[in-house]
Amino acid sequence: MRLRSRGFSLIEVAIAVVVIGLIASFALKGRELIHSAKLRSIADQVNSFRIAIQGFVDKYGVLPGDYIAASGIIHESLNNGRGDGQIVSIDDAKRFWQHLVASDLINIELINGFPISKMGGYYSVSSSISGHPGTWIVLSGGTTDNHNFIGILSPEDAYYIDKNNDTGNPNTGDIRVIPSSSALGNCFLDSRYNFKNKNKDCVLLFKVW
């Protein structure tokens, strides 16, 4: 007696295709949700930084990193600031986070002297960003001199954070964007984010003072 092989019917094939499509769709949606959560976490982190910075200013009367009596008043291991109200160099930025952490106003881990985001990259600080007066937390992929920053977000990602927490305009408000020092394309054109650019060319700024 010969064994007869039974092939798949069209209905079975159709059901298999639908199931595979649903699995792929759920996987894609899951990745999108995880990515959106990471972007939202950036704003949450920065808000916690802002609260701690305001607490530091209320307590000591100066910005972290600029406190000339930090070693005597906060902890002897700290380097004192200059007292000029400016966070300019990479050393100033590292001192900023050291003062803030040592004040016990926030509990964060510093990697290479800086906090890191869930999207990767570092949160630096600068008071000398051309065209943007004030003191800003800078989210970038890294920096060697606290002036030439490396992009970490695409224009679409930067816009997501901006529109959900500020004006949605890259040039105004308390959240702004500057292009990476090694940008492959424009992060924004005039006052609009350049969604045609899919590269991670955007450096995000958050005003803190």
C-alpha atoms as a PDB file:
ATOM      1  CA  MET A   1       0.000   0.000   0.000  1.00  0.00           C
ATOM      2  CA  ARG A   2       1.429   3.380  -0.962  1.00  0.00           C
ATOM      3  CA  LEU A   3       1.380   6.277   1.486  1.00  0.00           C
ATOM      4  CA  ARG A   4      -0.252   9.298  -0.051  1.00  0.00           C
ATOM      5  CA  SER A   5       1.317  12.690   0.750  1.00  0.00           C
ATOM      6  CA  ARG A   6      -1.112  15.445   1.511  1.00  0.00           C
ATOM      7  CA  GLY A   7      -0.231  19.005   0.479  1.00  0.00           C
ATOM      8  CA  PHE A   8      -1.373  22.249   2.093  1.00  0.00           C
ATOM      9  CA  SER A   9      -4.707  23.589   0.959  1.00  0.00           C
ATOM     10  CA  LEU A  10      -5.079  27.196  -0.173  1.00  0.00           C
ATOM     11  CA  ILE A  11      -6.985  27.987   3.013  1.00  0.00           C
ATOM     12  CA  GLU A  12      -4.178  26.625   5.194  1.00  0.00           C
ATOM     13  CA  VAL A  13      -1.582  28.609   3.252  1.00  0.00           C
ATOM     14  CA  ALA A  14      -3.695  31.756   3.563  1.00  0.00           C
ATOM     15  CA  ILE A  15      -4.079  31.283   7.315  1.00  0.00           C
ATOM     16  CA  ALA A  16      -0.307  30.780   7.693  1.00  0.00           C
ATOM     17  CA  VAL A  17       0.392  33.958   5.722  1.00  0.00           C
ATOM     18  CA  VAL A  18      -2.036  35.949   7.874  1.00  0.00           C
ATOM     19  CA  VAL A  19      -0.494  34.614  11.105  1.00  0.00           C
ATOM     20  CA  ILE A  20       3.035  35.446   9.921  1.00  0.00           C
ATOM     21  CA  GLY A  21       1.867  38.929   8.933  1.00  0.00           C
ATOM     22  CA  LEU A  22       0.295  39.516  12.340  1.00  0.00           C
ATOM     23  CA  ILE A  23       3.457  38.378  14.141  1.00  0.00           C
ATOM     24  CA  ALA A  24       5.603  40.692  12.013  1.00  0.00           C
ATOM     25  CA  SER A  25       3.180  43.582  12.607  1.00  0.00           C
ATOM     26  CA  PHE A  26       3.204  43.054  16.379  1.00  0.00           C
ATOM     27  CA  ALA A  27       7.000  42.872  16.389  1.00  0.00           C
ATOM     28  CA  LEU A  28       7.253  46.142  14.442  1.00  0.00           C
ATOM     29  CA  LYS A  29       4.719  47.844  16.687  1.00  0.00           C
ATOM     30  CA  GLY A  30       6.611  46.607  19.744  1.00  0.00           C
ATOM     31  CA  ARG A  31       9.848  48.136  18.464  1.00  0.00           C
ATOM     32  CA  GLU A  32       8.052  51.428  17.799  1.00  0.00           C
ATOM     33  CA  LEU A  33       6.631  51.480  21.333  1.00  0.00           C
ATOM     34  CA  ILE A  34      10.050  50.782  22.852  1.00  0.00           C
ATOM     35  CA  HIS A  35      11.613  53.530  20.734  1.00  0.00           C
ATOM     36  CA  SER A  36       8.901  56.034  21.740  1.00  0.00           C
ATOM     37  CA  ALA A  37       9.397  55.136  25.405  1.00  0.00           C
ATOM     38  CA  LYS A  38      13.123  55.840  25.103  1.00  0.00           C
ATOM     39  CA  LEU A  39      12.396  59.217  23.541  1.00  0.00           C
ATOM     40  CA  ARG A  40       9.941  60.082  26.328  1.00  0.00           C
ATOM     41  CA  SER A  41      12.546  59.067  28.902  1.00  0.00           C
ATOM     42  CA  ILE A  42      14.833  61.834  27.627  1.00  0.00           C
ATOM     43  CA  ALA A  43      12.341  64.527  28.620  1.00  0.00           C
ATOM     44  CA  ASP A  44      11.792  62.794  31.964  1.00  0.00           C
ATOM     45  CA  GLN A  45      15.532  62.730  32.650  1.00  0.00           C
ATOM     46  CA  VAL A  46      15.966  66.386  31.728  1.00  0.00           C
ATOM     47  CA  ASN A  47      13.052  67.404  33.947  1.00  0.00           C
ATOM     48  CA  SER A  48      14.707  65.638  36.895  1.00  0.00           C
ATOM     49  CA  PHE A  49      17.935  67.485  36.078  1.00  0.00           C
ATOM     50  CA  ARG A  50      16.100  70.817  35.996  1.00  0.00           C
ATOM     51  CA  ILE A  51      14.528  70.212  39.396  1.00  0.00           C
ATOM     52  CA  ALA A  52      17.914  69.322  40.892  1.00  0.00           C
ATOM     53  CA  ILE A  53      19.618  72.317  39.276  1.00  0.00           C
ATOM     54  CA  GLN A  54      16.965  74.687  40.626  1.00  0.00           C
ATOM     55  CA  GLY A  55      17.402  73.109  44.051  1.00  0.00           C
ATOM     56  CA  PHE A  56      21.158  73.658  43.839  1.00  0.00           C
ATOM     57  CA  VAL A  57      20.713  77.322  42.868  1.00  0.00           C
ATOM     58  CA  ASP A  58      18.199  77.842  45.677  1.00  0.00           C
ATOM     59  CA  LYS A  59      20.589  76.289  48.190  1.00  0.00           C
ATOM     60  CA  TYR A  60      23.942  77.726  47.109  1.00  0.00           C
ATOM     61  CA  GLY A  61      23.008  80.746  44.987  1.00  0.00           C
ATOM     62  CA  VAL A  62      25.007  79.651  41.911  1.00  0.00           C
ATOM     63  CA  LEU A  63      24.890  77.071  39.146  1.00  0.00           C
ATOM     64  CA  PRO A  64      26.531  73.694  39.760  1.00  0.00           C
ATOM     65  CA  GLY A  65      30.051  73.701  38.386  1.00  0.00           C
ATOM     66  CA  ASP A  66      30.397  77.423  39.026  1.00  0.00           C
ATOM     67  CA  TYR A  67      30.465  77.279  42.839  1.00  0.00           C
ATOM     68  CA  ILE A  68      33.762  78.739  44.113  1.00  0.00           C
ATOM     69  CA  ALA A  69      33.322  77.196  47.582  1.00  0.00           C
ATOM     70  CA  ALA A  70      32.269  73.686  46.505  1.00  0.00           C
ATOM     71  CA  SER A  71      35.256  71.915  48.083  1.00  0.00           C
ATOM     72  CA  GLY A  72      34.702  73.623  51.427  1.00  0.00           C
ATOM     73  CA  ILE A  73      30.923  73.576  51.603  1.00  0.00           C
ATOM     74  CA  ILE A  74      29.809  70.471  49.673  1.00  0.00           C
ATOM     75  CA  HIS A  75      32.718  67.980  49.649  1.00  0.00           C
ATOM     76  CA  GLU A  76      36.490  68.266  49.860  1.00  0.00           C
ATOM     77  CA  SER A  77      36.963  66.083  46.761  1.00  0.00           C
ATOM     78  CA  LEU A  78      35.337  68.644  44.471  1.00  0.00           C
ATOM     79  CA  ASN A  79      37.099  71.175  42.288  1.00  0.00           C
ATOM     80  CA  ASN A  80      35.857  74.722  42.777  1.00  0.00           C
ATOM     81  CA  GLY A  81      34.218  76.693  40.005  1.00  0.00           C
ATOM     82  CA  ARG A  82      35.214  80.133  38.762  1.00  0.00           C
ATOM     83  CA  GLY A  83      32.147  82.024  39.945  1.00  0.00           C
ATOM     84  CA  ASP A  84      31.593  83.740  36.585  1.00  0.00           C
ATOM     85  CA  GLY A  85      28.189  82.214  35.846  1.00  0.00           C
ATOM     86  CA  GLN A  86      29.482  80.363  32.785  1.00  0.00           C
ATOM     87  CA  ILE A  87      29.810  76.689  31.877  1.00  0.00           C
ATOM     88  CA  VAL A  88      32.076  76.725  28.843  1.00  0.00           C
ATOM     89  CA  SER A  89      34.786  74.069  28.650  1.00  0.00           C
ATOM     90  CA  ILE A  90      34.562  70.300  28.901  1.00  0.00           C
ATOM     91  CA  ASP A  91      36.069  70.581  32.389  1.00  0.00           C
ATOM     92  CA  ASP A  92      33.354  73.076  33.364  1.00  0.00           C
ATOM     93  CA  ALA A  93      30.701  70.639  32.164  1.00  0.00           C
ATOM     94  CA  LYS A  94      32.163  67.714  34.093  1.00  0.00           C
ATOM     95  CA  ARG A  95      32.447  69.895  37.206  1.00  0.00           C
ATOM     96  CA  PHE A  96      28.777  70.857  36.749  1.00  0.00           C
ATOM     97  CA  TRP A  97      27.623  67.247  37.109  1.00  0.00           C
ATOM     98  CA  GLN A  98      30.105  66.508  39.897  1.00  0.00           C
ATOM     99  CA  HIS A  99      28.775  69.415  41.976  1.00  0.00           C
ATOM    100  CA  LEU A 100      25.177  68.403  41.319  1.00  0.00           C
ATOM    101  CA  VAL A 101      25.691  64.751  42.273  1.00  0.00           C
ATOM    102  CA  ALA A 102      27.765  65.625  45.362  1.00  0.00           C
ATOM    103  CA  SER A 103      24.983  67.928  46.591  1.00  0.00           C
ATOM    104  CA  ASP A 104      22.714  64.848  46.972  1.00  0.00           C
ATOM    105  CA  LEU A 105      19.959  66.626  45.080  1.00  0.00           C
ATOM    106  CA  ILE A 106      19.899  63.896  42.443  1.00  0.00           C
ATOM    107  CA  ASN A 107      21.094  60.327  42.214  1.00  0.00           C
ATOM    108  CA  ILE A 108      22.589  59.638  38.784  1.00  0.00           C
ATOM    109  CA  GLU A 109      25.526  57.639  37.490  1.00  0.00           C
ATOM    110  CA  LEU A 110      28.226  59.531  35.623  1.00  0.00           C
ATOM    111  CA  ILE A 111      30.042  57.835  32.748  1.00  0.00           C
ATOM    112  CA  ASN A 112      33.212  59.642  31.649  1.00  0.00           C
ATOM    113  CA  GLY A 113      31.977  62.514  33.798  1.00  0.00           C
ATOM    114  CA  PHE A 114      28.493  62.779  32.290  1.00  0.00           C
ATOM    115  CA  PRO A 115      25.031  61.240  32.649  1.00  0.00           C
ATOM    116  CA  ILE A 116      23.927  59.093  29.722  1.00  0.00           C
ATOM    117  CA  SER A 117      20.510  58.806  28.083  1.00  0.00           C
ATOM    118  CA  LYS A 118      18.531  55.667  27.278  1.00  0.00           C
ATOM    119  CA  MET A 119      19.009  56.569  23.615  1.00  0.00           C
ATOM    120  CA  GLY A 120      22.750  56.560  24.185  1.00  0.00           C
ATOM    121  CA  GLY A 121      25.012  59.593  24.191  1.00  0.00           C
ATOM    122  CA  TYR A 122      25.880  62.061  26.912  1.00  0.00           C
ATOM    123  CA  TYR A 123      24.224  65.015  28.591  1.00  0.00           C
ATOM    124  CA  SER A 124      26.751  67.833  28.566  1.00  0.00           C
ATOM    125  CA  VAL A 125      26.165  71.451  29.632  1.00  0.00           C
ATOM    126  CA  SER A 126      27.154  74.683  27.918  1.00  0.00           C
ATOM    127  CA  SER A 127      26.591  78.423  28.304  1.00  0.00           C
ATOM    128  CA  SER A 128      28.387  79.283  25.059  1.00  0.00           C
ATOM    129  CA  ILE A 129      26.262  77.952  22.215  1.00  0.00           C
ATOM    130  CA  SER A 130      26.195  80.482  19.390  1.00  0.00           C
ATOM    131  CA  GLY A 131      22.753  81.965  18.801  1.00  0.00           C
ATOM    132  CA  HIS A 132      21.314  80.403  21.941  1.00  0.00           C
ATOM    133  CA  PRO A 133      21.897  82.572  25.027  1.00  0.00           C
ATOM    134  CA  GLY A 134      21.606  80.922  28.423  1.00  0.00           C
ATOM    135  CA  THR A 135      22.789  77.645  29.879  1.00  0.00           C
ATOM    136  CA  TRP A 136      21.723  74.481  28.104  1.00  0.00           C
ATOM    137  CA  ILE A 137      21.842  70.761  28.721  1.00  0.00           C
ATOM    138  CA  VAL A 138      23.173  69.286  25.496  1.00  0.00           C
ATOM    139  CA  LEU A 139      22.304  65.750  24.401  1.00  0.00           C
ATOM    140  CA  SER A 140      24.907  64.549  21.942  1.00  0.00           C
ATOM    141  CA  GLY A 141      26.893  61.499  20.962  1.00  0.00           C
ATOM    142  CA  GLY A 142      29.993  62.894  22.631  1.00  0.00           C
ATOM    143  CA  THR A 143      32.300  65.875  22.538  1.00  0.00           C
ATOM    144  CA  THR A 144      35.939  66.683  23.021  1.00  0.00           C
ATOM    145  CA  ASP A 145      35.747  70.428  23.554  1.00  0.00           C
ATOM    146  CA  ASN A 146      32.111  71.198  24.567  1.00  0.00           C
ATOM    147  CA  HIS A 147      31.592  73.171  21.360  1.00  0.00           C
ATOM    148  CA  ASN A 148      31.617  70.666  18.488  1.00  0.00           C
ATOM    149  CA  PHE A 149      28.865  68.219  19.318  1.00  0.00           C
ATOM    150  CA  ILE A 150      27.985  64.920  17.662  1.00  0.00           C
ATOM    151  CA  GLY A 151      24.395  64.246  16.623  1.00  0.00           C
ATOM    152  CA  ILE A 152      22.471  61.407  18.228  1.00  0.00           C
ATOM    153  CA  LEU A 153      18.876  61.880  17.028  1.00  0.00           C
ATOM    154  CA  SER A 154      17.191  61.972  13.647  1.00  0.00           C
ATOM    155  CA  PRO A 155      15.059  65.039  12.829  1.00  0.00           C
ATOM    156  CA  GLU A 156      11.930  62.921  13.352  1.00  0.00           C
ATOM    157  CA  ASP A 157      13.089  61.826  16.826  1.00  0.00           C
ATOM    158  CA  ALA A 158      14.098  65.362  17.792  1.00  0.00           C
ATOM    159  CA  TYR A 159      10.723  66.676  16.628  1.00  0.00           C
ATOM    160  CA  TYR A 160       8.895  64.033  18.675  1.00  0.00           C
ATOM    161  CA  ILE A 161      10.570  65.270  21.856  1.00  0.00           C
ATOM    162  CA  ASP A 162      10.189  68.949  20.944  1.00  0.00           C
ATOM    163  CA  LYS A 163       6.502  68.883  19.962  1.00  0.00           C
ATOM    164  CA  ASN A 164       5.508  66.857  23.039  1.00  0.00           C
ATOM    165  CA  ASN A 165       7.385  69.081  25.491  1.00  0.00           C
ATOM    166  CA  ASP A 166       7.841  72.509  23.886  1.00  0.00           C
ATOM    167  CA  THR A 167       7.047  74.528  20.761  1.00  0.00           C
ATOM    168  CA  GLY A 168       7.935  72.008  18.056  1.00  0.00           C
ATOM    169  CA  ASN A 169      10.102  74.733  16.474  1.00  0.00           C
ATOM    170  CA  PRO A 170      13.820  73.842  16.373  1.00  0.00           C
ATOM    171  CA  ASN A 171      14.893  77.480  16.772  1.00  0.00           C
ATOM    172  CA  THR A 172      12.678  78.710  19.620  1.00  0.00           C
ATOM    173  CA  GLY A 173      11.547  77.776  23.110  1.00  0.00           C
ATOM    174  CA  ASP A 174      13.291  75.839  25.849  1.00  0.00           C
ATOM    175  CA  ILE A 175      14.025  72.853  23.597  1.00  0.00           C
ATOM    176  CA  ARG A 176      16.076  73.611  20.511  1.00  0.00           C
ATOM    177  CA  VAL A 177      18.253  71.846  17.980  1.00  0.00           C
ATOM    178  CA  ILE A 178      21.671  72.446  16.515  1.00  0.00           C
ATOM    179  CA  PRO A 179      23.225  70.353  13.749  1.00  0.00           C
ATOM    180  CA  SER A 180      25.969  67.861  14.425  1.00  0.00           C
ATOM    181  CA  SER A 181      29.487  69.142  13.777  1.00  0.00           C
ATOM    182  CA  SER A 182      29.829  66.228  11.332  1.00  0.00           C
ATOM    183  CA  ALA A 183      26.293  66.362   9.902  1.00  0.00           C
ATOM    184  CA  LEU A 184      25.632  64.492   6.676  1.00  0.00           C
ATOM    185  CA  GLY A 185      22.540  66.586   6.038  1.00  0.00           C
ATOM    186  CA  ASN A 186      20.413  69.352   7.498  1.00  0.00           C
ATOM    187  CA  CYS A 187      18.579  68.584  10.730  1.00  0.00           C
ATOM    188  CA  PHE A 188      16.156  71.427  10.042  1.00  0.00           C
ATOM    189  CA  LEU A 189      15.374  73.932   7.315  1.00  0.00           C
ATOM    190  CA  ASP A 190      14.418  77.412   8.518  1.00  0.00           C
ATOM    191  CA  SER A 191      11.915  76.725  11.328  1.00  0.00           C
ATOM    192  CA  ARG A 192      10.926  73.189  10.320  1.00  0.00           C
ATOM    193  CA  TYR A 193      12.478  69.831  11.008  1.00  0.00           C
ATOM    194  CA  ASN A 194      13.837  68.157   7.880  1.00  0.00           C
ATOM    195  CA  PHE A 195      12.051  64.804   7.881  1.00  0.00           C
ATOM    196  CA  LYS A 196      13.674  63.827   4.579  1.00  0.00           C
ATOM    197  CA  ASN A 197      16.940  63.466   6.458  1.00  0.00           C
ATOM    198  CA  LYS A 198      17.002  60.069   8.194  1.00  0.00           C
ATOM    199  CA  ASN A 199      20.524  60.492   9.591  1.00  0.00           C
ATOM    200  CA  LYS A 200      21.245  61.101  13.267  1.00  0.00           C
ATOM    201  CA  ASP A 201      22.349  64.671  12.678  1.00  0.00           C
ATOM    202  CA  CYS A 202      20.488  66.453  15.483  1.00  0.00           C
ATOM    203  CA  VAL A 203      21.957  67.699  18.766  1.00  0.00           C
ATOM    204  CA  LEU A 204      19.190  68.517  21.241  1.00  0.00           C
ATOM    205  CA  LEU A 205      19.350  71.498  23.622  1.00  0.00           C
ATOM    206  CA  PHE A 206      17.326  71.909  26.838  1.00  0.00           C
ATOM    207  CA  LYS A 207      17.432  75.309  28.531  1.00  0.00           C
ATOM    208  CA  VAL A 208      18.105  75.149  32.273  1.00  0.00           C
ATOM    209  CA  TRP A 209      19.146  78.719  33.098  1.00  0.00           C
END
